[in-house]
Amino acid sequence: MTLPPPTYDLVLVLDTEGEDDARAKIVADARTAIEAQGELLRHDDWGDRALAYPIDRKSTGHYHLLQFHAHSPELLSGLDRSLRITDGILRFRIIKLKPGVPEAPDMRSAPAAVPATTPDAATTAAPEAAQAVEPEPEPAPAPEPPVELEVGEPA
């Protein structure tokens, strides 16, 4: 019995200040490399998203997820080498998925945050918020004033 080739996720975070054509070329080159030496399973354009922390003084990045099978280790080393030297990439990560890992969520169809002014948000968010708040701890008792001793008294 032959095992299927391992599945990998490639997450690209591209500079949003770069030209659209340059970003499209980066993604197209990665797809071409994957399709030449592997099998592209999925490509999700997650769009512009806030970064968890600034990278090169930038607070947003354009995210892409490419999921693929690698038929040879040369694909991984070639992708790593080319992505490291390509301008316009803020970060990238190639991750080998363990068998049985669920599919990545569809980030483009994720519901937007509901504004707090809508009645549904007020009625549904308030009970959850009340449960999540921990009670404030009781204040510590005030320290007792120091006892003054007369000279010559035993302590």
N, C-alpha and C. Protein backbone atom coordinates (compact mmCIF):
# COMPACT_ATOMS: atom_id res chain seq x y z
N MET A 1 0.85 -1.17 0.00
CA MET A 1 0.00 0.00 0.00
C MET A 1 0.89 1.24 0.00
N THR A 2 0.61 2.15 -0.89
CA THR A 2 1.40 3.38 -1.01
C THR A 2 0.72 4.50 -0.24
N LEU A 3 1.51 5.18 0.55
CA LEU A 3 0.98 6.32 1.30
C LEU A 3 0.86 7.52 0.37
N PRO A 4 -0.16 8.36 0.58
CA PRO A 4 -0.26 9.57 -0.23
C PRO A 4 0.87 10.53 0.13
N PRO A 5 1.27 11.39 -0.80
CA PRO A 5 2.33 12.34 -0.48
C PRO A 5 1.85 13.29 0.62
N PRO A 6 2.79 13.82 1.40
CA PRO A 6 2.39 14.71 2.49
C PRO A 6 1.73 15.99 1.97
N THR A 7 0.83 16.53 2.77
CA THR A 7 0.14 17.77 2.45
C THR A 7 0.81 18.92 3.19
N TYR A 8 0.98 20.03 2.52
CA TYR A 8 1.63 21.21 3.09
C TYR A 8 0.72 22.43 2.93
N ASP A 9 0.83 23.35 3.87
CA ASP A 9 0.22 24.66 3.77
C ASP A 9 1.33 25.67 3.55
N LEU A 10 1.15 26.56 2.59
CA LEU A 10 2.03 27.70 2.40
C LEU A 10 1.19 28.93 2.64
N VAL A 11 1.53 29.69 3.68
CA VAL A 11 0.84 30.94 3.97
C VAL A 11 1.78 32.07 3.58
N LEU A 12 1.30 32.93 2.70
CA LEU A 12 2.06 34.09 2.24
C LEU A 12 1.43 35.34 2.82
N VAL A 13 2.25 36.23 3.37
CA VAL A 13 1.80 37.55 3.80
C VAL A 13 2.56 38.55 2.94
N LEU A 14 1.81 39.21 2.06
CA LEU A 14 2.41 40.11 1.09
C LEU A 14 2.23 41.56 1.52
N ASP A 15 3.15 42.40 1.08
CA ASP A 15 3.12 43.83 1.39
C ASP A 15 1.94 44.47 0.67
N THR A 16 1.06 45.12 1.42
CA THR A 16 -0.12 45.76 0.82
C THR A 16 0.25 47.05 0.08
N GLU A 17 1.41 47.60 0.36
CA GLU A 17 1.83 48.82 -0.32
C GLU A 17 2.44 48.53 -1.69
N GLY A 18 2.71 47.27 -1.99
CA GLY A 18 3.26 46.89 -3.29
C GLY A 18 2.17 46.95 -4.36
N GLU A 19 2.61 46.95 -5.60
CA GLU A 19 1.66 47.00 -6.71
C GLU A 19 0.89 45.68 -6.81
N ASP A 20 -0.33 45.77 -7.30
CA ASP A 20 -1.17 44.58 -7.45
C ASP A 20 -0.53 43.58 -8.41
N ASP A 21 0.09 44.08 -9.48
CA ASP A 21 0.74 43.19 -10.45
C ASP A 21 1.89 42.43 -9.82
N ALA A 22 2.66 43.11 -8.97
CA ALA A 22 3.80 42.46 -8.30
C ALA A 22 3.30 41.36 -7.36
N ARG A 23 2.23 41.66 -6.61
CA ARG A 23 1.67 40.64 -5.69
C ARG A 23 1.13 39.46 -6.49
N ALA A 24 0.46 39.73 -7.59
CA ALA A 24 -0.09 38.66 -8.41
C ALA A 24 1.02 37.78 -8.99
N LYS A 25 2.15 38.39 -9.35
CA LYS A 25 3.28 37.63 -9.89
C LYS A 25 3.89 36.72 -8.82
N ILE A 26 4.00 37.20 -7.59
CA ILE A 26 4.54 36.38 -6.50
C ILE A 26 3.69 35.13 -6.32
N VAL A 27 2.37 35.31 -6.27
CA VAL A 27 1.45 34.19 -6.08
C VAL A 27 1.49 33.26 -7.29
N ALA A 28 1.51 33.83 -8.48
CA ALA A 28 1.55 33.02 -9.70
C ALA A 28 2.83 32.19 -9.77
N ASP A 29 3.97 32.80 -9.39
CA ASP A 29 5.24 32.05 -9.39
C ASP A 29 5.20 30.90 -8.39
N ALA A 30 4.62 31.13 -7.19
CA ALA A 30 4.52 30.06 -6.19
C ALA A 30 3.61 28.95 -6.71
N ARG A 31 2.50 29.32 -7.33
CA ARG A 31 1.59 28.31 -7.88
C ARG A 31 2.27 27.50 -8.99
N THR A 32 3.02 28.17 -9.85
CA THR A 32 3.71 27.49 -10.95
C THR A 32 4.72 26.49 -10.41
N ALA A 33 5.49 26.90 -9.39
CA ALA A 33 6.48 26.01 -8.80
C ALA A 33 5.80 24.79 -8.18
N ILE A 34 4.70 25.02 -7.49
CA ILE A 34 3.98 23.91 -6.85
C ILE A 34 3.42 22.96 -7.90
N GLU A 35 2.80 23.51 -8.94
CA GLU A 35 2.19 22.66 -9.96
C GLU A 35 3.23 21.91 -10.79
N ALA A 36 4.46 22.44 -10.88
CA ALA A 36 5.51 21.77 -11.65
C ALA A 36 6.05 20.55 -10.92
N GLN A 37 6.12 20.59 -9.58
CA GLN A 37 6.73 19.49 -8.82
C GLN A 37 5.80 18.92 -7.76
N GLY A 38 4.52 19.24 -7.83
CA GLY A 38 3.58 18.74 -6.84
C GLY A 38 2.17 18.86 -7.37
N GLU A 39 1.23 18.94 -6.45
CA GLU A 39 -0.17 19.03 -6.82
C GLU A 39 -0.82 20.10 -5.95
N LEU A 40 -1.31 21.16 -6.58
CA LEU A 40 -1.99 22.23 -5.86
C LEU A 40 -3.39 21.76 -5.52
N LEU A 41 -3.73 21.77 -4.23
CA LEU A 41 -5.04 21.31 -3.78
C LEU A 41 -6.01 22.46 -3.59
N ARG A 42 -5.47 23.60 -3.15
CA ARG A 42 -6.34 24.70 -2.76
C ARG A 42 -5.56 26.00 -2.79
N HIS A 43 -6.19 27.07 -3.21
CA HIS A 43 -5.61 28.41 -3.13
C HIS A 43 -6.70 29.35 -2.64
N ASP A 44 -6.49 29.92 -1.46
CA ASP A 44 -7.43 30.88 -0.89
C ASP A 44 -6.78 32.24 -0.79
N ASP A 45 -7.44 33.24 -1.35
CA ASP A 45 -7.00 34.63 -1.21
C ASP A 45 -7.77 35.20 -0.03
N TRP A 46 -7.10 35.36 1.10
CA TRP A 46 -7.77 35.84 2.31
C TRP A 46 -7.88 37.35 2.36
N GLY A 47 -7.21 38.06 1.46
CA GLY A 47 -7.33 39.50 1.39
C GLY A 47 -6.46 40.22 2.42
N ASP A 48 -6.73 41.50 2.57
CA ASP A 48 -5.96 42.33 3.51
C ASP A 48 -6.47 42.09 4.93
N ARG A 49 -5.52 41.90 5.83
CA ARG A 49 -5.85 41.67 7.25
C ARG A 49 -4.82 42.37 8.12
N ALA A 50 -5.24 42.71 9.31
CA ALA A 50 -4.33 43.34 10.26
C ALA A 50 -3.30 42.32 10.73
N LEU A 51 -2.06 42.77 10.88
CA LEU A 51 -1.00 41.90 11.39
C LEU A 51 -1.07 41.89 12.92
N ALA A 52 -0.63 40.83 13.52
CA ALA A 52 -0.62 40.72 14.99
C ALA A 52 0.39 41.70 15.59
N TYR A 53 1.45 41.99 14.85
CA TYR A 53 2.46 42.94 15.27
C TYR A 53 3.05 43.56 14.01
N PRO A 54 3.57 44.78 14.10
CA PRO A 54 4.11 45.42 12.89
C PRO A 54 5.31 44.66 12.33
N ILE A 55 5.37 44.57 11.01
CA ILE A 55 6.50 43.97 10.31
C ILE A 55 7.02 45.03 9.35
N ASP A 56 8.26 45.40 9.48
CA ASP A 56 8.84 46.47 8.64
C ASP A 56 7.97 47.72 8.68
N ARG A 57 7.45 48.05 9.86
CA ARG A 57 6.61 49.24 10.09
C ARG A 57 5.29 49.20 9.32
N LYS A 58 4.83 48.02 9.01
CA LYS A 58 3.55 47.86 8.32
C LYS A 58 2.59 47.14 9.26
N SER A 59 1.33 47.57 9.24
CA SER A 59 0.35 46.99 10.16
C SER A 59 -0.66 46.08 9.47
N THR A 60 -0.65 46.02 8.12
CA THR A 60 -1.55 45.12 7.40
C THR A 60 -0.76 44.31 6.37
N GLY A 61 -1.31 43.19 6.02
CA GLY A 61 -0.70 42.33 5.00
C GLY A 61 -1.79 41.68 4.17
N HIS A 62 -1.45 41.28 2.97
CA HIS A 62 -2.38 40.57 2.08
C HIS A 62 -2.05 39.08 2.18
N TYR A 63 -3.00 38.29 2.66
CA TYR A 63 -2.77 36.88 2.97
C TYR A 63 -3.24 35.96 1.85
N HIS A 64 -2.45 34.90 1.63
CA HIS A 64 -2.81 33.82 0.70
C HIS A 64 -2.49 32.50 1.38
N LEU A 65 -3.36 31.51 1.19
CA LEU A 65 -3.11 30.14 1.64
C LEU A 65 -3.06 29.26 0.42
N LEU A 66 -1.95 28.54 0.25
CA LEU A 66 -1.84 27.56 -0.82
C LEU A 66 -1.61 26.21 -0.16
N GLN A 67 -2.49 25.26 -0.42
CA GLN A 67 -2.37 23.92 0.15
C GLN A 67 -2.00 22.98 -0.99
N PHE A 68 -1.00 22.13 -0.75
CA PHE A 68 -0.49 21.31 -1.85
C PHE A 68 0.13 20.02 -1.34
N HIS A 69 0.29 19.06 -2.28
CA HIS A 69 1.07 17.84 -2.05
C HIS A 69 2.43 18.08 -2.69
N ALA A 70 3.48 17.72 -1.99
CA ALA A 70 4.84 17.82 -2.53
C ALA A 70 5.29 16.42 -2.92
N HIS A 71 5.60 16.25 -4.19
CA HIS A 71 6.06 14.95 -4.68
C HIS A 71 7.57 14.79 -4.52
N SER A 72 8.27 15.91 -4.22
CA SER A 72 9.72 15.82 -4.03
C SER A 72 10.17 16.88 -3.03
N PRO A 73 11.24 16.58 -2.28
CA PRO A 73 11.74 17.57 -1.32
C PRO A 73 12.34 18.80 -2.00
N GLU A 74 12.71 18.68 -3.27
CA GLU A 74 13.26 19.81 -4.00
C GLU A 74 12.23 20.94 -4.12
N LEU A 75 10.96 20.59 -4.16
CA LEU A 75 9.92 21.61 -4.23
C LEU A 75 9.97 22.50 -3.00
N LEU A 76 10.08 21.88 -1.84
CA LEU A 76 10.09 22.66 -0.59
C LEU A 76 11.31 23.56 -0.50
N SER A 77 12.48 23.01 -0.82
CA SER A 77 13.70 23.83 -0.74
C SER A 77 13.69 24.93 -1.80
N GLY A 78 13.16 24.64 -2.99
CA GLY A 78 13.08 25.66 -4.03
C GLY A 78 12.12 26.78 -3.66
N LEU A 79 10.95 26.41 -3.10
CA LEU A 79 10.01 27.43 -2.65
C LEU A 79 10.62 28.30 -1.55
N ASP A 80 11.25 27.64 -0.58
CA ASP A 80 11.86 28.36 0.53
C ASP A 80 12.91 29.36 0.01
N ARG A 81 13.75 28.91 -0.87
CA ARG A 81 14.82 29.76 -1.41
C ARG A 81 14.24 30.95 -2.18
N SER A 82 13.29 30.70 -3.07
CA SER A 82 12.76 31.77 -3.89
C SER A 82 11.93 32.77 -3.08
N LEU A 83 11.17 32.28 -2.09
CA LEU A 83 10.35 33.19 -1.29
C LEU A 83 11.19 34.05 -0.36
N ARG A 84 12.35 33.53 0.08
CA ARG A 84 13.23 34.31 0.96
C ARG A 84 13.83 35.52 0.24
N ILE A 85 14.09 35.40 -1.05
CA ILE A 85 14.77 36.49 -1.76
C ILE A 85 13.82 37.38 -2.55
N THR A 86 12.53 37.09 -2.52
CA THR A 86 11.56 37.86 -3.28
C THR A 86 11.12 39.09 -2.50
N ASP A 87 11.23 40.26 -3.13
CA ASP A 87 10.74 41.49 -2.51
C ASP A 87 9.22 41.48 -2.52
N GLY A 88 8.63 42.11 -1.52
CA GLY A 88 7.19 42.21 -1.44
C GLY A 88 6.55 41.17 -0.54
N ILE A 89 7.35 40.25 0.01
CA ILE A 89 6.83 39.25 0.94
C ILE A 89 7.23 39.67 2.35
N LEU A 90 6.22 39.91 3.19
CA LEU A 90 6.52 40.26 4.58
C LEU A 90 6.88 39.01 5.39
N ARG A 91 6.11 37.95 5.23
CA ARG A 91 6.37 36.68 5.90
C ARG A 91 5.80 35.55 5.06
N PHE A 92 6.34 34.36 5.24
CA PHE A 92 5.76 33.15 4.66
C PHE A 92 6.08 32.00 5.59
N ARG A 93 5.26 30.97 5.51
CA ARG A 93 5.48 29.79 6.34
C ARG A 93 4.99 28.58 5.57
N ILE A 94 5.84 27.55 5.51
CA ILE A 94 5.47 26.27 4.92
C ILE A 94 5.32 25.28 6.07
N ILE A 95 4.15 24.68 6.19
CA ILE A 95 3.84 23.80 7.31
C ILE A 95 3.39 22.44 6.78
N LYS A 96 3.99 21.38 7.29
CA LYS A 96 3.56 20.02 6.93
C LYS A 96 2.39 19.65 7.83
N LEU A 97 1.29 19.28 7.20
CA LEU A 97 0.09 18.93 7.96
C LEU A 97 0.11 17.47 8.36
N LYS A 98 -0.32 17.20 9.56
CA LYS A 98 -0.46 15.82 10.02
C LYS A 98 -1.71 15.22 9.39
N PRO A 99 -1.71 13.91 9.14
CA PRO A 99 -2.92 13.28 8.60
C PRO A 99 -4.09 13.48 9.55
N GLY A 100 -5.26 13.76 8.99
CA GLY A 100 -6.46 13.94 9.80
C GLY A 100 -6.71 15.36 10.24
N VAL A 101 -5.84 16.30 9.87
CA VAL A 101 -6.06 17.70 10.23
C VAL A 101 -7.26 18.20 9.43
N PRO A 102 -8.21 18.89 10.08
CA PRO A 102 -9.37 19.36 9.33
C PRO A 102 -8.97 20.44 8.31
N GLU A 103 -9.85 20.63 7.32
CA GLU A 103 -9.58 21.62 6.28
C GLU A 103 -9.52 23.02 6.89
N ALA A 104 -8.77 23.89 6.22
CA ALA A 104 -8.68 25.28 6.65
C ALA A 104 -10.04 25.94 6.45
N PRO A 105 -10.42 26.85 7.34
CA PRO A 105 -11.71 27.52 7.18
C PRO A 105 -11.69 28.46 5.99
N ASP A 106 -12.87 28.74 5.46
CA ASP A 106 -12.99 29.69 4.36
C ASP A 106 -13.01 31.09 4.97
N MET A 107 -11.88 31.75 4.97
CA MET A 107 -11.74 33.05 5.63
C MET A 107 -12.46 34.17 4.88
N ARG A 108 -12.73 34.00 3.61
CA ARG A 108 -13.41 35.04 2.84
C ARG A 108 -14.90 35.09 3.17
N SER A 109 -15.48 33.99 3.62
CA SER A 109 -16.91 33.98 3.93
C SER A 109 -17.16 34.12 5.42
N ALA A 110 -16.12 34.41 6.19
CA ALA A 110 -16.31 34.57 7.64
C ALA A 110 -17.20 35.79 7.88
N PRO A 111 -18.17 35.68 8.80
CA PRO A 111 -19.06 36.81 9.04
C PRO A 111 -18.29 37.98 9.65
N ALA A 112 -18.68 39.16 9.24
CA ALA A 112 -18.07 40.37 9.79
C ALA A 112 -18.57 40.58 11.20
N ALA A 113 -17.83 41.33 11.97
CA ALA A 113 -18.22 41.62 13.35
C ALA A 113 -19.52 42.42 13.34
N VAL A 114 -20.46 42.04 14.20
CA VAL A 114 -21.75 42.71 14.28
C VAL A 114 -21.58 43.95 15.13
N PRO A 115 -22.00 45.14 14.65
CA PRO A 115 -21.88 46.33 15.47
C PRO A 115 -22.71 46.19 16.74
N ALA A 116 -22.27 46.78 17.83
CA ALA A 116 -22.94 46.66 19.12
C ALA A 116 -24.26 47.42 19.15
N THR A 117 -24.57 48.25 18.16
CA THR A 117 -25.79 49.04 18.16
C THR A 117 -27.01 48.25 17.70
N THR A 118 -26.80 47.08 17.08
CA THR A 118 -27.95 46.30 16.62
C THR A 118 -28.58 45.58 17.79
N PRO A 119 -29.92 45.40 17.77
CA PRO A 119 -30.58 44.73 18.90
C PRO A 119 -30.09 43.31 19.10
N ASP A 120 -29.83 42.57 18.00
CA ASP A 120 -29.37 41.19 18.14
C ASP A 120 -28.04 41.12 18.88
N ALA A 121 -27.14 42.04 18.57
CA ALA A 121 -25.83 42.02 19.20
C ALA A 121 -25.95 42.34 20.68
N ALA A 122 -26.85 43.27 21.03
CA ALA A 122 -26.99 43.66 22.43
C ALA A 122 -27.57 42.52 23.25
N THR A 123 -28.55 41.79 22.68
CA THR A 123 -29.18 40.72 23.46
C THR A 123 -28.33 39.47 23.53
N THR A 124 -27.54 39.20 22.49
CA THR A 124 -26.77 37.97 22.50
C THR A 124 -25.40 38.16 23.12
N ALA A 125 -24.81 39.34 23.00
CA ALA A 125 -23.45 39.54 23.50
C ALA A 125 -23.44 39.83 24.99
N ALA A 126 -24.50 40.44 25.53
CA ALA A 126 -24.49 40.84 26.93
C ALA A 126 -24.40 39.64 27.88
N PRO A 127 -25.19 38.57 27.71
CA PRO A 127 -25.08 37.44 28.65
C PRO A 127 -23.70 36.79 28.61
N GLU A 128 -23.12 36.67 27.41
CA GLU A 128 -21.80 36.06 27.32
C GLU A 128 -20.76 36.93 28.00
N ALA A 129 -20.88 38.25 27.82
CA ALA A 129 -19.92 39.17 28.42
C ALA A 129 -20.03 39.11 29.94
N ALA A 130 -21.26 38.97 30.45
CA ALA A 130 -21.43 38.93 31.90
C ALA A 130 -20.81 37.67 32.48
N GLN A 131 -20.87 36.56 31.74
CA GLN A 131 -20.29 35.33 32.24
C GLN A 131 -18.78 35.36 32.19
N ALA A 132 -18.22 36.08 31.24
CA ALA A 132 -16.78 36.08 31.07
C ALA A 132 -16.06 36.96 32.08
N VAL A 133 -16.80 37.91 32.70
CA VAL A 133 -16.17 38.84 33.64
C VAL A 133 -16.00 38.16 34.98
N GLU A 134 -14.80 38.23 35.50
CA GLU A 134 -14.54 37.65 36.82
C GLU A 134 -14.82 38.70 37.88
N PRO A 135 -15.27 38.29 39.06
CA PRO A 135 -15.52 39.28 40.11
C PRO A 135 -14.20 39.92 40.56
N GLU A 136 -14.34 41.19 40.97
CA GLU A 136 -13.14 41.90 41.43
C GLU A 136 -12.70 41.31 42.76
N PRO A 137 -11.40 41.19 42.96
CA PRO A 137 -10.94 40.64 44.24
C PRO A 137 -11.18 41.66 45.35
N GLU A 138 -11.39 41.13 46.56
CA GLU A 138 -11.61 42.02 47.70
C GLU A 138 -10.31 42.75 48.01
N PRO A 139 -10.42 44.02 48.44
CA PRO A 139 -9.20 44.76 48.75
C PRO A 139 -8.49 44.13 49.96
N ALA A 140 -7.20 44.23 49.95
CA ALA A 140 -6.40 43.68 51.06
C ALA A 140 -6.64 44.53 52.30
N PRO A 141 -6.64 43.90 53.49
CA PRO A 141 -6.84 44.69 54.70
C PRO A 141 -5.69 45.67 54.89
N ALA A 142 -6.04 46.81 55.48
CA ALA A 142 -5.02 47.83 55.73
C ALA A 142 -4.02 47.30 56.76
N PRO A 143 -2.75 47.61 56.58
CA PRO A 143 -1.77 47.13 57.55
C PRO A 143 -1.96 47.83 58.90
N GLU A 144 -1.69 47.08 59.94
CA GLU A 144 -1.82 47.66 61.28
C GLU A 144 -0.66 48.61 61.53
N PRO A 145 -0.93 49.68 62.29
CA PRO A 145 0.16 50.62 62.56
C PRO A 145 1.23 49.94 63.42
N PRO A 146 2.47 50.36 63.25
CA PRO A 146 3.54 49.73 64.03
C PRO A 146 3.40 50.07 65.51
N VAL A 147 3.80 49.14 66.35
CA VAL A 147 3.74 49.32 67.80
C VAL A 147 5.04 50.01 68.23
N GLU A 148 4.86 51.10 68.97
CA GLU A 148 6.05 51.81 69.44
C GLU A 148 6.48 51.22 70.78
N LEU A 149 7.74 50.91 70.91
CA LEU A 149 8.26 50.33 72.13
C LEU A 149 9.11 51.37 72.85
N GLU A 150 9.03 51.33 74.16
CA GLU A 150 9.88 52.20 74.98
C GLU A 150 11.27 51.59 75.03
N VAL A 151 12.24 52.43 75.16
CA VAL A 151 13.61 51.95 75.25
C VAL A 151 13.76 51.15 76.53
N GLY A 152 14.32 49.99 76.42
CA GLY A 152 14.56 49.14 77.56
C GLY A 152 13.49 48.08 77.71
N GLU A 153 12.39 48.17 76.97
CA GLU A 153 11.39 47.11 77.03
C GLU A 153 11.80 45.96 76.15
N PRO A 154 11.56 44.74 76.57
CA PRO A 154 11.85 43.60 75.68
C PRO A 154 10.85 43.57 74.53
N ALA A 155 11.33 43.16 73.43
CA ALA A 155 10.49 43.15 72.24
C ALA A 155 9.58 41.98 72.17
